[in-house]
Amino acid sequence: MRLPALLSTTLALAAFAPAQTASFTTYGTGCGAPGNPPPLIQALTLPQIGAAFTVRFVALPSGQTPVSVDWPAMIMGLQQAQTPVPVLSPSQPANCNFLLSTDVILFMPWNGTSYQNTFTMQIPNDPGLIGVSFHQQWAELYSRCQPTCQPLMIRVTNAATATVGL
């Protein structure tokens, strides 16, 4: 007879504490260099409390050559938006937009052979973060270096909404 009471109590408590599954949902379209597909954002892990959350920049290699530099940056924001990318030169692809508020911009470090193409953040083990969402998008500054480096375009990926969960 105690089993039905225990079951109803468990079900009642579960209704007040719904579990939120961690998620990563892409949206929008990026823009690439003329003749190339746009770069993409890709989750390698999900934003779960108490765990590392990693996203990757998927594009042509990011790095340096004797005549060019491709420097990626992770952009994070709390809102979706649509803001045109600044036109640096006639080489800038048309219809290129930042798809989120640019609250944080982190340029990736050079590791000696290329720029880092992943970004990892530790999600604190705090249940109060469950259900919190934020947005991410990669951007890459392309510069032509003959004889000095001149920024020519900014390429961007699609964007994503990350929701912290279990």
N, C-alpha and C. Protein backbone atom coordinates (compact mmCIF):
# COMPACT_ATOMS: atom_id res chain seq x y z
N MET A 1 0.81 -1.19 0.00
CA MET A 1 0.00 0.00 0.00
C MET A 1 0.85 1.26 0.00
N ARG A 2 2.09 1.18 0.47
CA ARG A 2 2.95 2.36 0.51
C ARG A 2 3.49 2.69 -0.89
N LEU A 3 3.56 1.71 -1.77
CA LEU A 3 4.11 1.93 -3.10
C LEU A 3 3.30 2.97 -3.89
N PRO A 4 1.94 2.92 -3.91
CA PRO A 4 1.21 3.96 -4.63
C PRO A 4 1.45 5.35 -4.07
N ALA A 5 1.57 5.49 -2.76
CA ALA A 5 1.83 6.82 -2.17
C ALA A 5 3.21 7.31 -2.56
N LEU A 6 4.19 6.42 -2.53
CA LEU A 6 5.55 6.79 -2.92
C LEU A 6 5.60 7.19 -4.40
N LEU A 7 4.90 6.43 -5.25
CA LEU A 7 4.86 6.72 -6.67
C LEU A 7 4.20 8.07 -6.93
N SER A 8 3.06 8.36 -6.24
CA SER A 8 2.43 9.67 -6.46
C SER A 8 3.29 10.80 -5.97
N THR A 9 3.99 10.64 -4.87
CA THR A 9 4.88 11.69 -4.37
C THR A 9 6.02 11.93 -5.36
N THR A 10 6.59 10.86 -5.88
CA THR A 10 7.68 10.96 -6.86
C THR A 10 7.21 11.69 -8.11
N LEU A 11 6.03 11.32 -8.60
CA LEU A 11 5.51 11.97 -9.80
C LEU A 11 5.20 13.44 -9.55
N ALA A 12 4.67 13.76 -8.38
CA ALA A 12 4.38 15.16 -8.05
C ALA A 12 5.65 15.98 -7.98
N LEU A 13 6.70 15.44 -7.36
CA LEU A 13 7.98 16.16 -7.29
C LEU A 13 8.59 16.32 -8.67
N ALA A 14 8.48 15.31 -9.50
CA ALA A 14 9.04 15.39 -10.86
C ALA A 14 8.36 16.49 -11.66
N ALA A 15 7.08 16.73 -11.40
CA ALA A 15 6.37 17.78 -12.12
C ALA A 15 6.90 19.16 -11.75
N PHE A 16 7.41 19.33 -10.52
CA PHE A 16 7.93 20.62 -10.09
C PHE A 16 9.40 20.81 -10.44
N ALA A 17 10.09 19.76 -10.81
CA ALA A 17 11.51 19.86 -11.13
C ALA A 17 11.79 19.20 -12.48
N PRO A 18 11.27 19.80 -13.57
CA PRO A 18 11.48 19.17 -14.88
C PRO A 18 12.96 19.22 -15.27
N ALA A 19 13.43 18.16 -15.85
CA ALA A 19 14.82 18.10 -16.30
C ALA A 19 14.94 18.81 -17.64
N GLN A 20 15.99 19.57 -17.81
CA GLN A 20 16.27 20.27 -19.06
C GLN A 20 17.46 19.58 -19.71
N THR A 21 17.27 19.11 -20.91
CA THR A 21 18.35 18.47 -21.63
C THR A 21 19.22 19.53 -22.28
N ALA A 22 20.53 19.36 -22.19
CA ALA A 22 21.46 20.29 -22.86
C ALA A 22 21.23 20.20 -24.37
N SER A 23 21.34 21.35 -25.05
CA SER A 23 21.14 21.32 -26.50
C SER A 23 22.02 22.35 -27.19
N PHE A 24 22.21 22.14 -28.49
CA PHE A 24 22.98 23.01 -29.37
C PHE A 24 22.25 23.01 -30.70
N THR A 25 21.61 24.13 -31.05
CA THR A 25 20.78 24.21 -32.24
C THR A 25 21.29 25.32 -33.14
N THR A 26 21.66 24.96 -34.37
CA THR A 26 22.18 25.96 -35.30
C THR A 26 21.03 26.71 -35.98
N TYR A 27 21.34 27.93 -36.43
CA TYR A 27 20.38 28.73 -37.18
C TYR A 27 21.14 29.67 -38.11
N GLY A 28 20.45 30.13 -39.14
CA GLY A 28 21.03 31.09 -40.07
C GLY A 28 22.03 30.47 -41.03
N THR A 29 22.63 31.33 -41.82
CA THR A 29 23.62 30.92 -42.82
C THR A 29 24.83 31.82 -42.72
N GLY A 30 25.99 31.23 -42.82
CA GLY A 30 27.23 32.01 -42.81
C GLY A 30 27.56 32.52 -44.20
N CYS A 31 28.73 33.12 -44.33
CA CYS A 31 29.19 33.58 -45.64
C CYS A 31 30.68 33.27 -45.75
N GLY A 32 31.05 32.77 -46.91
CA GLY A 32 32.44 32.40 -47.14
C GLY A 32 33.08 33.27 -48.19
N ALA A 33 34.32 32.98 -48.46
CA ALA A 33 35.03 33.68 -49.53
C ALA A 33 34.38 33.32 -50.86
N PRO A 34 34.41 34.24 -51.82
CA PRO A 34 33.79 33.95 -53.12
C PRO A 34 34.30 32.62 -53.69
N GLY A 35 33.35 31.78 -54.13
CA GLY A 35 33.70 30.49 -54.71
C GLY A 35 33.88 29.37 -53.69
N ASN A 36 33.75 29.68 -52.40
CA ASN A 36 33.90 28.67 -51.36
C ASN A 36 32.62 28.60 -50.52
N PRO A 37 32.33 27.42 -49.97
CA PRO A 37 31.15 27.33 -49.10
C PRO A 37 31.39 28.11 -47.81
N PRO A 38 30.31 28.53 -47.16
CA PRO A 38 30.49 29.25 -45.89
C PRO A 38 31.04 28.32 -44.81
N PRO A 39 31.79 28.86 -43.87
CA PRO A 39 32.26 28.04 -42.75
C PRO A 39 31.07 27.68 -41.85
N LEU A 40 31.28 26.71 -40.98
CA LEU A 40 30.22 26.23 -40.10
C LEU A 40 30.66 26.21 -38.64
N ILE A 41 29.70 26.32 -37.73
CA ILE A 41 29.94 26.09 -36.32
C ILE A 41 29.45 24.68 -36.00
N GLN A 42 30.20 23.97 -35.19
CA GLN A 42 29.86 22.58 -34.87
C GLN A 42 30.15 22.32 -33.40
N ALA A 43 29.20 21.70 -32.70
CA ALA A 43 29.41 21.34 -31.30
C ALA A 43 30.13 19.99 -31.22
N LEU A 44 31.19 19.93 -30.42
CA LEU A 44 31.86 18.66 -30.17
C LEU A 44 31.33 18.01 -28.90
N THR A 45 30.78 18.83 -27.99
CA THR A 45 30.13 18.36 -26.77
C THR A 45 28.91 19.25 -26.55
N LEU A 46 28.09 18.89 -25.57
CA LEU A 46 26.91 19.70 -25.25
C LEU A 46 27.15 20.51 -23.98
N PRO A 47 26.44 21.63 -23.80
CA PRO A 47 26.64 22.48 -22.62
C PRO A 47 25.93 21.90 -21.38
N GLN A 48 26.57 20.95 -20.75
CA GLN A 48 26.02 20.29 -19.57
C GLN A 48 26.67 20.84 -18.31
N ILE A 49 25.87 20.99 -17.24
CA ILE A 49 26.44 21.52 -16.00
C ILE A 49 27.56 20.60 -15.52
N GLY A 50 28.64 21.23 -15.04
CA GLY A 50 29.78 20.50 -14.52
C GLY A 50 30.67 19.88 -15.57
N ALA A 51 30.51 20.28 -16.84
CA ALA A 51 31.30 19.67 -17.91
C ALA A 51 31.88 20.74 -18.83
N ALA A 52 32.86 20.33 -19.61
CA ALA A 52 33.46 21.20 -20.62
C ALA A 52 32.57 21.19 -21.87
N PHE A 53 32.33 22.36 -22.43
CA PHE A 53 31.53 22.52 -23.64
C PHE A 53 32.45 23.06 -24.73
N THR A 54 32.54 22.32 -25.85
CA THR A 54 33.48 22.67 -26.92
C THR A 54 32.76 22.80 -28.25
N VAL A 55 33.06 23.89 -28.97
CA VAL A 55 32.58 24.08 -30.33
C VAL A 55 33.79 24.22 -31.26
N ARG A 56 33.56 23.90 -32.54
CA ARG A 56 34.65 23.93 -33.52
C ARG A 56 34.26 24.80 -34.70
N PHE A 57 35.28 25.45 -35.27
CA PHE A 57 35.17 26.24 -36.49
C PHE A 57 35.53 25.31 -37.64
N VAL A 58 34.58 25.05 -38.55
CA VAL A 58 34.80 24.14 -39.66
C VAL A 58 34.88 24.97 -40.94
N ALA A 59 36.08 25.05 -41.52
CA ALA A 59 36.28 25.85 -42.72
C ALA A 59 37.60 25.45 -43.36
N LEU A 60 37.95 26.20 -44.38
CA LEU A 60 39.28 26.04 -44.94
C LEU A 60 40.28 26.27 -43.81
N PRO A 61 41.48 25.74 -43.89
CA PRO A 61 42.41 25.90 -42.76
C PRO A 61 42.60 27.36 -42.37
N SER A 62 42.59 27.58 -41.06
CA SER A 62 42.85 28.92 -40.53
C SER A 62 44.33 29.01 -40.20
N GLY A 63 44.98 29.97 -40.75
CA GLY A 63 46.40 30.06 -40.48
C GLY A 63 47.05 31.21 -41.20
N GLN A 64 48.33 31.02 -41.48
CA GLN A 64 49.11 32.05 -42.14
C GLN A 64 49.87 31.42 -43.30
N THR A 65 50.02 32.17 -44.35
CA THR A 65 50.89 31.81 -45.46
C THR A 65 51.78 33.03 -45.68
N PRO A 66 52.73 32.94 -46.58
CA PRO A 66 53.54 34.15 -46.84
C PRO A 66 52.73 35.33 -47.36
N VAL A 67 51.50 35.06 -47.89
CA VAL A 67 50.73 36.15 -48.48
C VAL A 67 49.37 36.38 -47.82
N SER A 68 48.99 35.62 -46.79
CA SER A 68 47.67 35.84 -46.19
C SER A 68 47.62 35.37 -44.74
N VAL A 69 46.61 35.88 -44.03
CA VAL A 69 46.35 35.49 -42.65
C VAL A 69 44.84 35.29 -42.50
N ASP A 70 44.43 34.17 -41.94
CA ASP A 70 43.03 33.89 -41.61
C ASP A 70 42.96 33.73 -40.10
N TRP A 71 42.34 34.69 -39.39
CA TRP A 71 42.36 34.71 -37.93
C TRP A 71 40.95 34.53 -37.39
N PRO A 72 40.62 33.36 -36.81
CA PRO A 72 39.26 33.13 -36.30
C PRO A 72 39.03 33.76 -34.93
N ALA A 73 37.76 34.07 -34.68
CA ALA A 73 37.33 34.60 -33.38
C ALA A 73 36.00 33.98 -33.00
N MET A 74 35.83 33.66 -31.73
CA MET A 74 34.55 33.18 -31.21
C MET A 74 33.76 34.39 -30.74
N ILE A 75 32.51 34.48 -31.18
CA ILE A 75 31.62 35.56 -30.75
C ILE A 75 30.49 34.92 -29.94
N MET A 76 30.18 35.52 -28.80
CA MET A 76 29.08 35.03 -27.97
C MET A 76 28.17 36.18 -27.60
N GLY A 77 26.89 35.88 -27.52
CA GLY A 77 25.92 36.90 -27.16
C GLY A 77 24.72 36.31 -26.47
N LEU A 78 23.94 37.17 -25.86
CA LEU A 78 22.76 36.73 -25.12
C LEU A 78 21.47 36.83 -25.94
N GLN A 79 21.57 37.42 -27.15
CA GLN A 79 20.38 37.58 -27.98
C GLN A 79 20.69 37.25 -29.43
N GLN A 80 19.68 36.75 -30.13
CA GLN A 80 19.81 36.63 -31.58
C GLN A 80 19.67 38.04 -32.16
N ALA A 81 20.34 38.29 -33.26
CA ALA A 81 20.29 39.59 -33.93
C ALA A 81 20.67 39.37 -35.39
N GLN A 82 20.62 40.40 -36.16
CA GLN A 82 21.11 40.35 -37.53
C GLN A 82 21.75 41.70 -37.84
N THR A 83 23.08 41.72 -37.76
CA THR A 83 23.84 42.95 -37.97
C THR A 83 24.81 42.73 -39.13
N PRO A 84 24.80 43.58 -40.14
CA PRO A 84 25.71 43.39 -41.26
C PRO A 84 27.18 43.44 -40.81
N VAL A 85 27.97 42.55 -41.39
CA VAL A 85 29.42 42.55 -41.16
C VAL A 85 29.99 43.79 -41.83
N PRO A 86 30.94 44.48 -41.20
CA PRO A 86 31.53 45.66 -41.84
C PRO A 86 32.19 45.31 -43.18
N VAL A 87 32.03 46.19 -44.15
CA VAL A 87 32.66 45.99 -45.45
C VAL A 87 34.07 46.56 -45.37
N LEU A 88 35.06 45.67 -45.45
CA LEU A 88 36.46 46.07 -45.35
C LEU A 88 37.07 46.40 -46.71
N SER A 89 36.50 45.79 -47.76
CA SER A 89 37.01 46.01 -49.11
C SER A 89 35.96 45.48 -50.09
N PRO A 90 36.16 45.67 -51.39
CA PRO A 90 35.22 45.11 -52.37
C PRO A 90 35.19 43.57 -52.34
N SER A 91 36.16 42.94 -51.68
CA SER A 91 36.19 41.48 -51.58
C SER A 91 35.20 40.93 -50.56
N GLN A 92 34.62 41.80 -49.73
CA GLN A 92 33.70 41.33 -48.68
C GLN A 92 32.48 40.66 -49.32
N PRO A 93 32.16 39.40 -48.92
CA PRO A 93 30.96 38.75 -49.46
C PRO A 93 29.70 39.54 -49.11
N ALA A 94 28.75 39.52 -50.03
CA ALA A 94 27.47 40.20 -49.82
C ALA A 94 26.61 39.40 -48.83
N ASN A 95 25.66 40.08 -48.22
CA ASN A 95 24.69 39.45 -47.31
C ASN A 95 25.35 38.67 -46.19
N CYS A 96 26.38 39.24 -45.62
CA CYS A 96 27.14 38.60 -44.55
C CYS A 96 26.74 39.27 -43.23
N ASN A 97 26.24 38.47 -42.27
CA ASN A 97 25.69 39.05 -41.05
C ASN A 97 26.18 38.35 -39.78
N PHE A 98 26.36 39.18 -38.74
CA PHE A 98 26.48 38.63 -37.40
C PHE A 98 25.06 38.27 -37.00
N LEU A 99 24.85 37.07 -36.47
CA LEU A 99 23.51 36.58 -36.18
C LEU A 99 23.19 36.58 -34.69
N LEU A 100 23.94 37.37 -33.93
CA LEU A 100 23.76 37.44 -32.49
C LEU A 100 24.29 38.76 -31.99
N SER A 101 23.93 39.10 -30.75
CA SER A 101 24.52 40.29 -30.15
C SER A 101 25.99 39.99 -29.88
N THR A 102 26.85 40.92 -30.17
CA THR A 102 28.29 40.68 -30.01
C THR A 102 28.73 41.13 -28.62
N ASP A 103 28.33 40.35 -27.60
CA ASP A 103 28.65 40.69 -26.22
C ASP A 103 30.07 40.32 -25.83
N VAL A 104 30.61 39.25 -26.44
CA VAL A 104 31.98 38.80 -26.15
C VAL A 104 32.62 38.39 -27.48
N ILE A 105 33.84 38.87 -27.73
CA ILE A 105 34.61 38.46 -28.91
C ILE A 105 35.98 37.99 -28.42
N LEU A 106 36.32 36.75 -28.75
CA LEU A 106 37.59 36.17 -28.33
C LEU A 106 38.37 35.71 -29.55
N PHE A 107 39.48 36.40 -29.87
CA PHE A 107 40.31 35.96 -30.99
C PHE A 107 41.12 34.75 -30.55
N MET A 108 41.22 33.77 -31.43
CA MET A 108 41.90 32.52 -31.11
C MET A 108 43.42 32.69 -31.20
N PRO A 109 44.14 32.01 -30.31
CA PRO A 109 45.61 32.14 -30.30
C PRO A 109 46.27 31.33 -31.42
N TRP A 110 47.45 31.76 -31.78
CA TRP A 110 48.33 31.08 -32.75
C TRP A 110 49.08 30.00 -31.98
N ASN A 111 49.10 28.76 -32.50
CA ASN A 111 49.79 27.69 -31.78
C ASN A 111 51.13 27.30 -32.40
N GLY A 112 51.60 28.10 -33.33
CA GLY A 112 52.89 27.82 -33.96
C GLY A 112 52.77 27.32 -35.38
N THR A 113 51.64 26.66 -35.69
CA THR A 113 51.41 26.17 -37.05
C THR A 113 50.06 26.61 -37.61
N SER A 114 49.12 26.95 -36.72
CA SER A 114 47.80 27.41 -37.16
C SER A 114 47.12 28.11 -35.98
N TYR A 115 45.98 28.72 -36.28
CA TYR A 115 45.19 29.31 -35.20
C TYR A 115 44.30 28.22 -34.61
N GLN A 116 44.03 28.33 -33.33
CA GLN A 116 43.13 27.40 -32.66
C GLN A 116 41.77 27.47 -33.33
N ASN A 117 41.17 26.32 -33.65
CA ASN A 117 39.86 26.31 -34.30
C ASN A 117 38.78 25.68 -33.42
N THR A 118 39.06 25.57 -32.10
CA THR A 118 38.06 25.12 -31.15
C THR A 118 38.01 26.12 -29.99
N PHE A 119 36.85 26.15 -29.36
CA PHE A 119 36.67 26.98 -28.18
C PHE A 119 35.99 26.13 -27.12
N THR A 120 36.60 26.07 -25.93
CA THR A 120 36.05 25.28 -24.83
C THR A 120 35.79 26.18 -23.64
N MET A 121 34.64 26.00 -23.05
CA MET A 121 34.31 26.70 -21.81
C MET A 121 33.78 25.69 -20.80
N GLN A 122 34.17 25.87 -19.57
CA GLN A 122 33.70 25.00 -18.49
C GLN A 122 32.36 25.52 -17.99
N ILE A 123 31.34 24.68 -18.01
CA ILE A 123 30.03 25.05 -17.48
C ILE A 123 30.05 24.70 -15.99
N PRO A 124 29.87 25.67 -15.10
CA PRO A 124 29.91 25.37 -13.66
C PRO A 124 28.85 24.34 -13.26
N ASN A 125 29.15 23.61 -12.22
CA ASN A 125 28.22 22.60 -11.71
C ASN A 125 27.19 23.29 -10.81
N ASP A 126 26.36 24.11 -11.43
CA ASP A 126 25.37 24.91 -10.71
C ASP A 126 24.00 24.65 -11.32
N PRO A 127 23.11 23.95 -10.60
CA PRO A 127 21.78 23.67 -11.15
C PRO A 127 21.00 24.92 -11.54
N GLY A 128 21.35 26.07 -10.99
CA GLY A 128 20.69 27.31 -11.35
C GLY A 128 20.93 27.70 -12.81
N LEU A 129 21.93 27.11 -13.46
CA LEU A 129 22.22 27.41 -14.86
C LEU A 129 21.38 26.58 -15.83
N ILE A 130 20.72 25.56 -15.32
CA ILE A 130 19.92 24.70 -16.20
C ILE A 130 18.84 25.54 -16.87
N GLY A 131 18.78 25.46 -18.19
CA GLY A 131 17.81 26.21 -18.97
C GLY A 131 18.32 27.54 -19.49
N VAL A 132 19.50 27.98 -19.04
CA VAL A 132 20.08 29.24 -19.53
C VAL A 132 20.56 29.04 -20.97
N SER A 133 20.22 29.97 -21.83
CA SER A 133 20.63 29.90 -23.24
C SER A 133 21.55 31.06 -23.59
N PHE A 134 22.47 30.81 -24.52
CA PHE A 134 23.32 31.84 -25.08
C PHE A 134 23.60 31.46 -26.52
N HIS A 135 24.15 32.39 -27.28
CA HIS A 135 24.35 32.19 -28.71
C HIS A 135 25.83 32.30 -29.05
N GLN A 136 26.25 31.55 -30.08
CA GLN A 136 27.65 31.54 -30.50
C GLN A 136 27.73 31.58 -32.03
N GLN A 137 28.80 32.21 -32.51
CA GLN A 137 29.08 32.26 -33.94
C GLN A 137 30.58 32.50 -34.11
N TRP A 138 31.16 31.86 -35.10
CA TRP A 138 32.57 32.11 -35.43
C TRP A 138 32.64 33.19 -36.50
N ALA A 139 33.67 34.01 -36.43
CA ALA A 139 34.02 34.96 -37.48
C ALA A 139 35.50 34.77 -37.79
N GLU A 140 35.88 35.08 -39.00
CA GLU A 140 37.29 34.96 -39.37
C GLU A 140 37.70 36.17 -40.19
N LEU A 141 38.75 36.83 -39.72
CA LEU A 141 39.29 37.99 -40.42
C LEU A 141 40.34 37.52 -41.42
N TYR A 142 40.11 37.81 -42.70
CA TYR A 142 41.07 37.43 -43.75
C TYR A 142 41.83 38.68 -44.18
N SER A 143 43.15 38.57 -44.14
CA SER A 143 44.03 39.67 -44.57
C SER A 143 44.96 39.18 -45.66
N ARG A 144 45.18 40.02 -46.63
CA ARG A 144 46.15 39.75 -47.70
C ARG A 144 47.43 40.48 -47.31
N CYS A 145 48.57 39.82 -47.44
CA CYS A 145 49.84 40.37 -46.95
C CYS A 145 50.87 40.49 -48.06
N GLN A 146 50.72 41.48 -48.90
CA GLN A 146 51.69 41.73 -49.96
C GLN A 146 51.78 43.23 -50.20
N PRO A 147 52.71 43.96 -49.81
CA PRO A 147 53.83 43.61 -48.93
C PRO A 147 53.46 43.67 -47.45
N THR A 148 52.42 44.48 -47.08
CA THR A 148 51.98 44.52 -45.68
C THR A 148 50.57 43.93 -45.61
N CYS A 149 50.16 43.51 -44.44
CA CYS A 149 48.84 42.89 -44.28
C CYS A 149 47.73 43.93 -44.28
N GLN A 150 46.73 43.71 -45.13
CA GLN A 150 45.56 44.57 -45.23
C GLN A 150 44.31 43.71 -45.06
N PRO A 151 43.45 44.00 -44.06
CA PRO A 151 42.21 43.23 -43.91
C PRO A 151 41.33 43.38 -45.15
N LEU A 152 40.86 42.25 -45.69
CA LEU A 152 40.03 42.29 -46.89
C LEU A 152 38.59 41.87 -46.65
N MET A 153 38.37 40.91 -45.74
CA MET A 153 37.00 40.44 -45.53
C MET A 153 36.86 39.76 -44.18
N ILE A 154 35.62 39.69 -43.76
CA ILE A 154 35.26 38.92 -42.57
C ILE A 154 34.29 37.85 -43.02
N ARG A 155 34.67 36.60 -42.80
CA ARG A 155 33.77 35.48 -43.07
C ARG A 155 33.12 35.07 -41.75
N VAL A 156 31.87 34.63 -41.80
CA VAL A 156 31.20 34.18 -40.58
C VAL A 156 30.53 32.83 -40.82
N THR A 157 30.36 32.09 -39.73
CA THR A 157 29.64 30.83 -39.79
C THR A 157 28.15 31.09 -39.60
N ASN A 158 27.37 30.01 -39.71
CA ASN A 158 26.01 30.07 -39.18
C ASN A 158 26.16 30.28 -37.67
N ALA A 159 25.08 30.44 -36.95
CA ALA A 159 25.17 30.64 -35.49
C ALA A 159 24.47 29.47 -34.81
N ALA A 160 24.53 29.47 -33.48
CA ALA A 160 23.90 28.40 -32.72
C ALA A 160 23.41 28.94 -31.39
N THR A 161 22.34 28.32 -30.90
CA THR A 161 21.84 28.58 -29.56
C THR A 161 22.23 27.39 -28.70
N ALA A 162 22.96 27.66 -27.64
CA ALA A 162 23.35 26.62 -26.68
C ALA A 162 22.48 26.79 -25.44
N THR A 163 21.87 25.70 -24.99
CA THR A 163 21.07 25.72 -23.78
C THR A 163 21.68 24.77 -22.77
N VAL A 164 22.01 25.30 -21.60
CA VAL A 164 22.65 24.50 -20.55
C VAL A 164 21.63 23.53 -19.97
N GLY A 165 22.07 22.30 -19.79
CA GLY A 165 21.18 21.28 -19.24
C GLY A 165 21.95 20.15 -18.60
N LEU A 166 21.24 19.06 -18.44
CA LEU A 166 21.82 17.86 -17.83
C LEU A 166 22.39 16.94 -18.88
